[in-house]
PDB file of N, CA and C in Angstrom:
ATOM      1  N   MET A   1      -0.559  70.466 -61.880  1.00  0.00           N
ATOM      2  CA  MET A   1      -1.519  69.622 -61.220  1.00  0.00           C
ATOM      3  C   MET A   1      -0.901  68.621 -60.499  1.00  0.00           C
ATOM      4  N   LEU A   2      -0.252  67.703 -61.659  1.00  0.00           N
ATOM      5  CA  LEU A   2       0.734  66.481 -60.988  1.00  0.00           C
ATOM      6  C   LEU A   2       1.833  67.013 -60.221  1.00  0.00           C
ATOM      7  N   TYR A   3       2.364  68.086 -60.334  1.00  0.00           N
ATOM      8  CA  TYR A   3       3.293  68.283 -59.419  1.00  0.00           C
ATOM      9  C   TYR A   3       2.734  68.632 -58.122  1.00  0.00           C
ATOM     10  N   THR A   4       1.429  69.396 -58.156  1.00  0.00           N
ATOM     11  CA  THR A   4       1.055  69.734 -56.526  1.00  0.00           C
ATOM     12  C   THR A   4       0.405  68.387 -55.913  1.00  0.00           C
ATOM     13  N   LEU A   5      -0.021  67.614 -56.714  1.00  0.00           N
ATOM     14  CA  LEU A   5      -0.644  66.345 -56.181  1.00  0.00           C
ATOM     15  C   LEU A   5       0.911  65.612 -55.683  1.00  0.00           C
ATOM     16  N   ALA A   6       1.835  65.448 -56.381  1.00  0.00           N
ATOM     17  CA  ALA A   6       2.839  64.848 -55.876  1.00  0.00           C
ATOM     18  C   ALA A   6       3.700  65.621 -54.552  1.00  0.00           C
ATOM     19  N   ALA A   7       3.775  66.971 -54.720  1.00  0.00           N
ATOM     20  CA  ALA A   7       4.028  67.696 -53.493  1.00  0.00           C
ATOM     21  C   ALA A   7       3.327  67.287 -52.250  1.00  0.00           C
ATOM     22  N   ALA A   8       1.922  67.102 -52.341  1.00  0.00           N
ATOM     23  CA  ALA A   8       0.883  66.825 -51.223  1.00  0.00           C
ATOM     24  C   ALA A   8       0.999  65.399 -50.772  1.00  0.00           C
ATOM     25  N   THR A   9       1.283  64.602 -51.680  1.00  0.00           N
ATOM     26  CA  THR A   9       1.249  63.410 -51.247  1.00  0.00           C
ATOM     27  C   THR A   9       2.776  63.026 -50.483  1.00  0.00           C
ATOM     28  N   THR A  10       3.825  63.674 -51.004  1.00  0.00           N
ATOM     29  CA  THR A  10       5.386  63.251 -50.354  1.00  0.00           C
ATOM     30  C   THR A  10       5.701  64.396 -49.361  1.00  0.00           C
ATOM     31  N   GLY A  11       5.068  65.385 -49.236  1.00  0.00           N
ATOM     32  CA  GLY A  11       5.413  66.393 -48.198  1.00  0.00           C
ATOM     33  C   GLY A  11       6.619  67.273 -48.755  1.00  0.00           C
ATOM     34  N   VAL A  12       6.888  67.303 -50.109  1.00  0.00           N
ATOM     35  CA  VAL A  12       7.817  68.160 -50.681  1.00  0.00           C
ATOM     36  C   VAL A  12       6.925  69.387 -50.899  1.00  0.00           C
ATOM     37  N   THR A  13       7.709  70.515 -50.449  1.00  0.00           N
ATOM     38  CA  THR A  13       6.860  71.798 -50.807  1.00  0.00           C
ATOM     39  C   THR A  13       7.223  72.337 -52.042  1.00  0.00           C
ATOM     40  N   THR A  14       6.751  73.628 -52.420  1.00  0.00           N
ATOM     41  CA  THR A  14       7.072  73.965 -53.873  1.00  0.00           C
ATOM     42  C   THR A  14       8.576  74.647 -53.676  1.00  0.00           C
ATOM     43  N   THR A  15       9.006  74.894 -52.918  1.00  0.00           N
ATOM     44  CA  THR A  15      10.584  75.172 -52.777  1.00  0.00           C
ATOM     45  C   THR A  15      11.601  74.101 -52.790  1.00  0.00           C
ATOM     46  N   GLY A  16      10.843  72.819 -52.596  1.00  0.00           N
ATOM     47  CA  GLY A  16      11.930  71.842 -52.783  1.00  0.00           C
ATOM     48  C   GLY A  16      12.248  71.258 -51.269  1.00  0.00           C
ATOM     49  N   LEU A  17      11.843  71.870 -50.217  1.00  0.00           N
ATOM     50  CA  LEU A  17      12.295  71.685 -49.178  1.00  0.00           C
ATOM     51  C   LEU A  17      11.280  70.886 -48.071  1.00  0.00           C
ATOM     52  N   LEU A  18      11.457  69.770 -47.443  1.00  0.00           N
ATOM     53  CA  LEU A  18      10.649  69.135 -46.603  1.00  0.00           C
ATOM     54  C   LEU A  18      10.471  70.176 -45.464  1.00  0.00           C
ATOM     55  N   SER A  19       9.048  69.852 -44.938  1.00  0.00           N
ATOM     56  CA  SER A  19       8.512  70.358 -43.924  1.00  0.00           C
ATOM     57  C   SER A  19       9.071  69.847 -42.626  1.00  0.00           C
ATOM     58  N   ALA A  20       9.065  70.654 -41.627  1.00  0.00           N
ATOM     59  CA  ALA A  20       9.359  69.729 -40.326  1.00  0.00           C
ATOM     60  C   ALA A  20       8.842  68.781 -39.955  1.00  0.00           C
ATOM     61  N   ASN A  21       7.255  68.481 -40.017  1.00  0.00           N
ATOM     62  CA  ASN A  21       6.598  67.331 -39.735  1.00  0.00           C
ATOM     63  C   ASN A  21       7.245  66.339 -40.433  1.00  0.00           C
ATOM     64  N   VAL A  22       7.294  66.569 -41.766  1.00  0.00           N
ATOM     65  CA  VAL A  22       7.734  65.258 -42.475  1.00  0.00           C
ATOM     66  C   VAL A  22       9.022  64.762 -42.029  1.00  0.00           C
ATOM     67  N   LEU A  23       9.991  65.593 -41.961  1.00  0.00           N
ATOM     68  CA  LEU A  23      11.329  65.276 -41.681  1.00  0.00           C
ATOM     69  C   LEU A  23      11.266  64.483 -40.095  1.00  0.00           C
ATOM     70  N   LEU A  24      10.561  65.322 -39.098  1.00  0.00           N
ATOM     71  CA  LEU A  24      10.379  64.497 -37.706  1.00  0.00           C
ATOM     72  C   LEU A  24       9.343  63.010 -38.096  1.00  0.00           C
ATOM     73  N   ALA A  25       8.643  62.933 -38.702  1.00  0.00           N
ATOM     74  CA  ALA A  25       8.120  61.509 -38.876  1.00  0.00           C
ATOM     75  C   ALA A  25       9.002  60.664 -39.494  1.00  0.00           C
ATOM     76  N   THR A  26       9.533  61.100 -40.752  1.00  0.00           N
ATOM     77  CA  THR A  26      10.874  60.096 -41.100  1.00  0.00           C
ATOM     78  C   THR A  26      11.853  59.499 -40.122  1.00  0.00           C
ATOM     79  N   VAL A  27      12.306  60.567 -39.212  1.00  0.00           N
ATOM     80  CA  VAL A  27      13.212  59.879 -38.314  1.00  0.00           C
ATOM     81  C   VAL A  27      12.496  59.097 -37.177  1.00  0.00           C
ATOM     82  N   VAL A  28      11.462  59.684 -36.933  1.00  0.00           N
ATOM     83  CA  VAL A  28      10.602  58.658 -35.903  1.00  0.00           C
ATOM     84  C   VAL A  28      10.428  57.265 -36.404  1.00  0.00           C
ATOM     85  N   TYR A  29       9.834  57.252 -37.789  1.00  0.00           N
ATOM     86  CA  TYR A  29       9.387  55.795 -38.329  1.00  0.00           C
ATOM     87  C   TYR A  29      10.809  55.097 -38.539  1.00  0.00           C
ATOM     88  N   ALA A  30      11.842  55.756 -39.112  1.00  0.00           N
ATOM     89  CA  ALA A  30      13.097  55.199 -39.404  1.00  0.00           C
ATOM     90  C   ALA A  30      13.670  54.417 -37.820  1.00  0.00           C
ATOM     91  N   GLY A  31      13.828  55.244 -36.858  1.00  0.00           N
ATOM     92  CA  GLY A  31      13.962  54.811 -35.499  1.00  0.00           C
ATOM     93  C   GLY A  31      13.197  53.419 -35.088  1.00  0.00           C
ATOM     94  N   VAL A  32      11.870  53.691 -35.338  1.00  0.00           N
ATOM     95  CA  VAL A  32      11.000  52.599 -34.882  1.00  0.00           C
ATOM     96  C   VAL A  32      11.343  51.505 -35.857  1.00  0.00           C
ATOM     97  N   GLY A  33      11.656  51.345 -37.042  1.00  0.00           N
ATOM     98  CA  GLY A  33      11.678  50.470 -37.970  1.00  0.00           C
ATOM     99  C   GLY A  33      12.987  49.648 -37.423  1.00  0.00           C
ATOM    100  N   ILE A  34      14.095  50.340 -37.091  1.00  0.00           N
ATOM    101  CA  ILE A  34      15.454  49.845 -36.623  1.00  0.00           C
ATOM    102  C   ILE A  34      15.334  49.222 -35.418  1.00  0.00           C
ATOM    103  N   ALA A  35      14.535  49.870 -34.551  1.00  0.00           N
ATOM    104  CA  ALA A  35      14.306  48.802 -33.340  1.00  0.00           C
ATOM    105  C   ALA A  35      13.752  47.694 -33.656  1.00  0.00           C
ATOM    106  N   ILE A  36      12.514  47.798 -34.181  1.00  0.00           N
ATOM    107  CA  ILE A  36      11.828  46.481 -34.628  1.00  0.00           C
ATOM    108  C   ILE A  36      12.672  45.660 -35.359  1.00  0.00           C
ATOM    109  N   LEU A  37      13.414  45.780 -36.450  1.00  0.00           N
ATOM    110  CA  LEU A  37      14.324  44.923 -36.889  1.00  0.00           C
ATOM    111  C   LEU A  37      15.331  44.401 -35.862  1.00  0.00           C
ATOM    112  N   ALA A  38      15.972  45.296 -35.247  1.00  0.00           N
ATOM    113  CA  ALA A  38      16.948  44.795 -34.254  1.00  0.00           C
ATOM    114  C   ALA A  38      16.131  43.640 -33.362  1.00  0.00           C
ATOM    115  N   VAL A  39      14.966  43.647 -32.557  1.00  0.00           N
ATOM    116  CA  VAL A  39      14.257  42.806 -32.043  1.00  0.00           C
ATOM    117  C   VAL A  39      13.986  41.769 -32.710  1.00  0.00           C
ATOM    118  N   GLY A  40      13.382  41.783 -34.061  1.00  0.00           N
ATOM    119  CA  GLY A  40      13.127  40.631 -34.790  1.00  0.00           C
ATOM    120  C   GLY A  40      14.189  39.856 -35.103  1.00  0.00           C
ATOM    121  N   PHE A  41      15.247  40.251 -35.467  1.00  0.00           N
ATOM    122  CA  PHE A  41      16.646  39.783 -35.526  1.00  0.00           C
ATOM    123  C   PHE A  41      16.849  38.925 -34.467  1.00  0.00           C
ATOM    124  N   TRP A  42      16.864  39.606 -33.214  1.00  0.00           N
ATOM    125  CA  TRP A  42      17.409  39.211 -32.086  1.00  0.00           C
ATOM    126  C   TRP A  42      16.410  37.955 -32.009  1.00  0.00           C
ATOM    127  N   VAL A  43      15.378  37.988 -31.723  1.00  0.00           N
ATOM    128  CA  VAL A  43      14.208  36.603 -31.535  1.00  0.00           C
ATOM    129  C   VAL A  43      14.556  35.284 -32.684  1.00  0.00           C
ATOM    130  N   TRP A  44      14.884  35.813 -33.933  1.00  0.00           N
ATOM    131  CA  TRP A  44      15.111  35.029 -34.725  1.00  0.00           C
ATOM    132  C   TRP A  44      16.524  34.353 -34.493  1.00  0.00           C
ATOM    133  N   ASP A  45      17.441  35.065 -34.135  1.00  0.00           N
ATOM    134  CA  ASP A  45      18.845  34.449 -33.693  1.00  0.00           C
ATOM    135  C   ASP A  45      18.312  33.451 -32.314  1.00  0.00           C
ATOM    136  N   LYS A  46      17.947  33.818 -31.621  1.00  0.00           N
ATOM    137  CA  LYS A  46      17.565  33.066 -30.283  1.00  0.00           C
ATOM    138  C   LYS A  46      16.649  31.620 -30.590  1.00  0.00           C
ATOM    139  N   ILE A  47      15.526  31.563 -31.725  1.00  0.00           N
ATOM    140  CA  ILE A  47      15.287  30.421 -32.328  1.00  0.00           C
ATOM    141  C   ILE A  47      15.750  29.851 -33.136  1.00  0.00           C
ATOM    142  N   ALA A  48      16.851  30.121 -33.466  1.00  0.00           N
ATOM    143  CA  ALA A  48      17.531  29.386 -34.592  1.00  0.00           C
ATOM    144  C   ALA A  48      17.905  28.258 -34.036  1.00  0.00           C
ATOM    145  N   PRO A  49      18.261  27.147 -34.371  1.00  0.00           N
ATOM    146  CA  PRO A  49      19.247  25.866 -33.881  1.00  0.00           C
ATOM    147  C   PRO A  49      20.600  25.928 -33.786  1.00  0.00           C
ATOM    148  N   ALA A  50      21.414  27.226 -34.733  1.00  0.00           N
ATOM    149  CA  ALA A  50      22.837  27.114 -34.276  1.00  0.00           C
ATOM    150  C   ALA A  50      23.000  28.291 -33.906  1.00  0.00           C
ATOM    151  N   ASP A  51      24.002  28.694 -33.410  1.00  0.00           N
ATOM    152  CA  ASP A  51      24.882  30.046 -33.051  1.00  0.00           C
ATOM    153  C   ASP A  51      24.957  30.886 -34.242  1.00  0.00           C
ATOM    154  N   LEU A  52      24.270  31.609 -34.622  1.00  0.00           N
ATOM    155  CA  LEU A  52      24.432  32.277 -35.989  1.00  0.00           C
ATOM    156  C   LEU A  52      25.729  33.306 -36.106  1.00  0.00           C
ATOM    157  N   TRP A  53      25.718  34.142 -34.955  1.00  0.00           N
ATOM    158  CA  TRP A  53      26.933  34.961 -35.001  1.00  0.00           C
ATOM    159  C   TRP A  53      28.270  34.157 -34.602  1.00  0.00           C
ATOM    160  N   GLY A  54      28.332  33.124 -34.190  1.00  0.00           N
ATOM    161  CA  GLY A  54      29.595  32.248 -34.087  1.00  0.00           C
ATOM    162  C   GLY A  54      29.718  31.674 -35.439  1.00  0.00           C
ATOM    163  N   GLU A  55      28.624  31.115 -36.216  1.00  0.00           N
ATOM    164  CA  GLU A  55      28.911  30.740 -37.475  1.00  0.00           C
ATOM    165  C   GLU A  55      29.435  31.380 -38.219  1.00  0.00           C
ATOM    166  N   ILE A  56      28.970  32.530 -38.497  1.00  0.00           N
ATOM    167  CA  ILE A  56      29.292  33.923 -39.170  1.00  0.00           C
ATOM    168  C   ILE A  56      30.534  34.121 -39.170  1.00  0.00           C
ATOM    169  N   CYS A  57      31.254  34.273 -37.654  1.00  0.00           N
ATOM    170  CA  CYS A  57      32.748  34.568 -37.479  1.00  0.00           C
ATOM    171  C   CYS A  57      33.429  33.734 -37.832  1.00  0.00           C
ATOM    172  N   ARG A  58      33.049  32.225 -37.938  1.00  0.00           N
ATOM    173  CA  ARG A  58      34.333  31.334 -38.326  1.00  0.00           C
ATOM    174  C   ARG A  58      34.121  31.363 -39.924  1.00  0.00           C
ATOM    175  N   GLY A  59      33.071  32.186 -40.639  1.00  0.00           N
ATOM    176  CA  GLY A  59      33.478  32.161 -42.119  1.00  0.00           C
ATOM    177  C   GLY A  59      32.360  31.395 -42.776  1.00  0.00           C
ATOM    178  N   ASN A  60      31.071  30.895 -42.019  1.00  0.00           N
ATOM    179  CA  ASN A  60      30.230  30.084 -42.823  1.00  0.00           C
ATOM    180  C   ASN A  60      29.367  31.350 -43.703  1.00  0.00           C
ATOM    181  N   GLN A  61      29.593  31.099 -44.836  1.00  0.00           N
ATOM    182  CA  GLN A  61      29.072  32.211 -45.825  1.00  0.00           C
ATOM    183  C   GLN A  61      27.578  31.978 -45.837  1.00  0.00           C
ATOM    184  N   ALA A  62      27.192  30.585 -46.035  1.00  0.00           N
ATOM    185  CA  ALA A  62      25.830  30.219 -46.286  1.00  0.00           C
ATOM    186  C   ALA A  62      24.765  30.885 -45.059  1.00  0.00           C
ATOM    187  N   ILE A  63      25.562  30.602 -43.835  1.00  0.00           N
ATOM    188  CA  ILE A  63      24.550  31.241 -42.651  1.00  0.00           C
ATOM    189  C   ILE A  63      24.752  32.798 -42.869  1.00  0.00           C
ATOM    190  N   ALA A  64      25.601  33.259 -43.254  1.00  0.00           N
ATOM    191  CA  ALA A  64      25.835  35.008 -43.324  1.00  0.00           C
ATOM    192  C   ALA A  64      24.749  35.310 -44.393  1.00  0.00           C
ATOM    193  N   ILE A  65      24.611  34.670 -45.521  1.00  0.00           N
ATOM    194  CA  ILE A  65      23.921  34.681 -46.527  1.00  0.00           C
ATOM    195  C   ILE A  65      22.252  34.748 -45.805  1.00  0.00           C
ATOM    196  N   LEU A  66      22.209  33.525 -45.583  1.00  0.00           N
ATOM    197  CA  LEU A  66      20.643  33.483 -44.659  1.00  0.00           C
ATOM    198  C   LEU A  66      20.407  34.533 -43.726  1.00  0.00           C
ATOM    199  N   ALA A  67      21.482  34.956 -42.921  1.00  0.00           N
ATOM    200  CA  ALA A  67      21.159  35.893 -41.991  1.00  0.00           C
ATOM    201  C   ALA A  67      20.845  37.264 -42.777  1.00  0.00           C
ATOM    202  N   ALA A  68      21.476  37.539 -43.883  1.00  0.00           N
ATOM    203  CA  ALA A  68      21.119  38.786 -44.730  1.00  0.00           C
ATOM    204  C   ALA A  68      19.783  38.892 -45.060  1.00  0.00           C
ATOM    205  N   GLY A  69      19.383  37.627 -45.695  1.00  0.00           N
ATOM    206  CA  GLY A  69      18.081  37.449 -46.329  1.00  0.00           C
ATOM    207  C   GLY A  69      17.231  37.764 -45.026  1.00  0.00           C
ATOM    208  N   MET A  70      17.248  37.163 -44.115  1.00  0.00           N
ATOM    209  CA  MET A  70      16.318  37.365 -42.925  1.00  0.00           C
ATOM    210  C   MET A  70      16.050  38.446 -42.383  1.00  0.00           C
ATOM    211  N   ALA A  71      17.371  39.398 -42.655  1.00  0.00           N
ATOM    212  CA  ALA A  71      17.237  41.051 -42.069  1.00  0.00           C
ATOM    213  C   ALA A  71      16.447  41.517 -43.315  1.00  0.00           C
ATOM    214  N   ILE A  72      16.641  41.187 -44.513  1.00  0.00           N
ATOM    215  CA  ILE A  72      15.960  42.049 -45.597  1.00  0.00           C
ATOM    216  C   ILE A  72      14.644  41.643 -45.484  1.00  0.00           C
ATOM    217  N   ALA A  73      14.077  40.359 -45.001  1.00  0.00           N
ATOM    218  CA  ALA A  73      12.671  40.184 -45.242  1.00  0.00           C
ATOM    219  C   ALA A  73      12.047  40.554 -43.875  1.00  0.00           C
ATOM    220  N   ILE A  74      12.763  40.689 -43.000  1.00  0.00           N
ATOM    221  CA  ILE A  74      12.068  41.508 -41.541  1.00  0.00           C
ATOM    222  C   ILE A  74      11.789  42.672 -42.053  1.00  0.00           C
ATOM    223  N   ALA A  75      12.767  43.559 -42.431  1.00  0.00           N
ATOM    224  CA  ALA A  75      12.883  45.097 -43.018  1.00  0.00           C
ATOM    225  C   ALA A  75      11.783  45.049 -44.046  1.00  0.00           C
ATOM    226  N   LEU A  76      11.302  44.277 -44.898  1.00  0.00           N
ATOM    227  CA  LEU A  76      10.309  44.536 -45.938  1.00  0.00           C
ATOM    228  C   LEU A  76       9.085  44.609 -45.202  1.00  0.00           C
ATOM    229  N   ILE A  77       9.071  43.491 -44.455  1.00  0.00           N
ATOM    230  CA  ILE A  77       7.697  43.560 -43.414  1.00  0.00           C
ATOM    231  C   ILE A  77       7.601  44.984 -42.547  1.00  0.00           C
ATOM    232  N   ILE A  78       8.499  44.930 -42.091  1.00  0.00           N
ATOM    233  CA  ILE A  78       8.222  46.394 -41.242  1.00  0.00           C
ATOM    234  C   ILE A  78       8.018  47.485 -41.878  1.00  0.00           C
ATOM    235  N   SER A  79       8.568  47.742 -43.383  1.00  0.00           N
ATOM    236  CA  SER A  79       8.371  48.856 -43.952  1.00  0.00           C
ATOM    237  C   SER A  79       7.001  48.761 -44.855  1.00  0.00           C
ATOM    238  N   ALA A  80       6.332  47.478 -45.008  1.00  0.00           N
ATOM    239  CA  ALA A  80       5.117  47.387 -45.346  1.00  0.00           C
ATOM    240  C   ALA A  80       4.147  47.832 -44.156  1.00  0.00           C
ATOM    241  N   ALA A  81       4.324  47.501 -43.331  1.00  0.00           N
ATOM    242  CA  ALA A  81       3.574  47.698 -42.001  1.00  0.00           C
ATOM    243  C   ALA A  81       3.580  49.046 -41.479  1.00  0.00           C
ATOM    244  N   ILE A  82       4.669  49.801 -41.533  1.00  0.00           N
ATOM    245  CA  ILE A  82       4.698  51.285 -41.290  1.00  0.00           C
ATOM    246  C   ILE A  82       4.138  52.057 -42.484  1.00  0.00           C
ATOM    247  N   GLN A  83       4.175  51.500 -43.792  1.00  0.00           N
ATOM    248  CA  GLN A  83       3.500  52.475 -44.846  1.00  0.00           C
ATOM    249  C   GLN A  83       1.855  52.013 -44.814  1.00  0.00           C
ATOM    250  N   GLY A  84       1.440  51.012 -44.447  1.00  0.00           N
ATOM    251  CA  GLY A  84       0.375  50.927 -44.266  1.00  0.00           C
ATOM    252  C   GLY A  84      -0.416  50.253 -45.386  1.00  0.00           C
TER     253      GLY A  84
END
């Protein structure tokens, strides 16, 4: 019963293979998520008071860590929005 419930909720069939619909949906949602992440990061880069990429290229590790944190935060928000 538990395996049947898990298979029904995850899209994994009893043979262990993904169905075509689940695979297509995964690829589409991944593409949409990456596009939204890129746009969100670009917007954040434009509203930031400093040249983020220039600072990162000059070796400013604090800005690099801040940029990584923002990318993770935006990705978590997108993930939660896509999952519902």
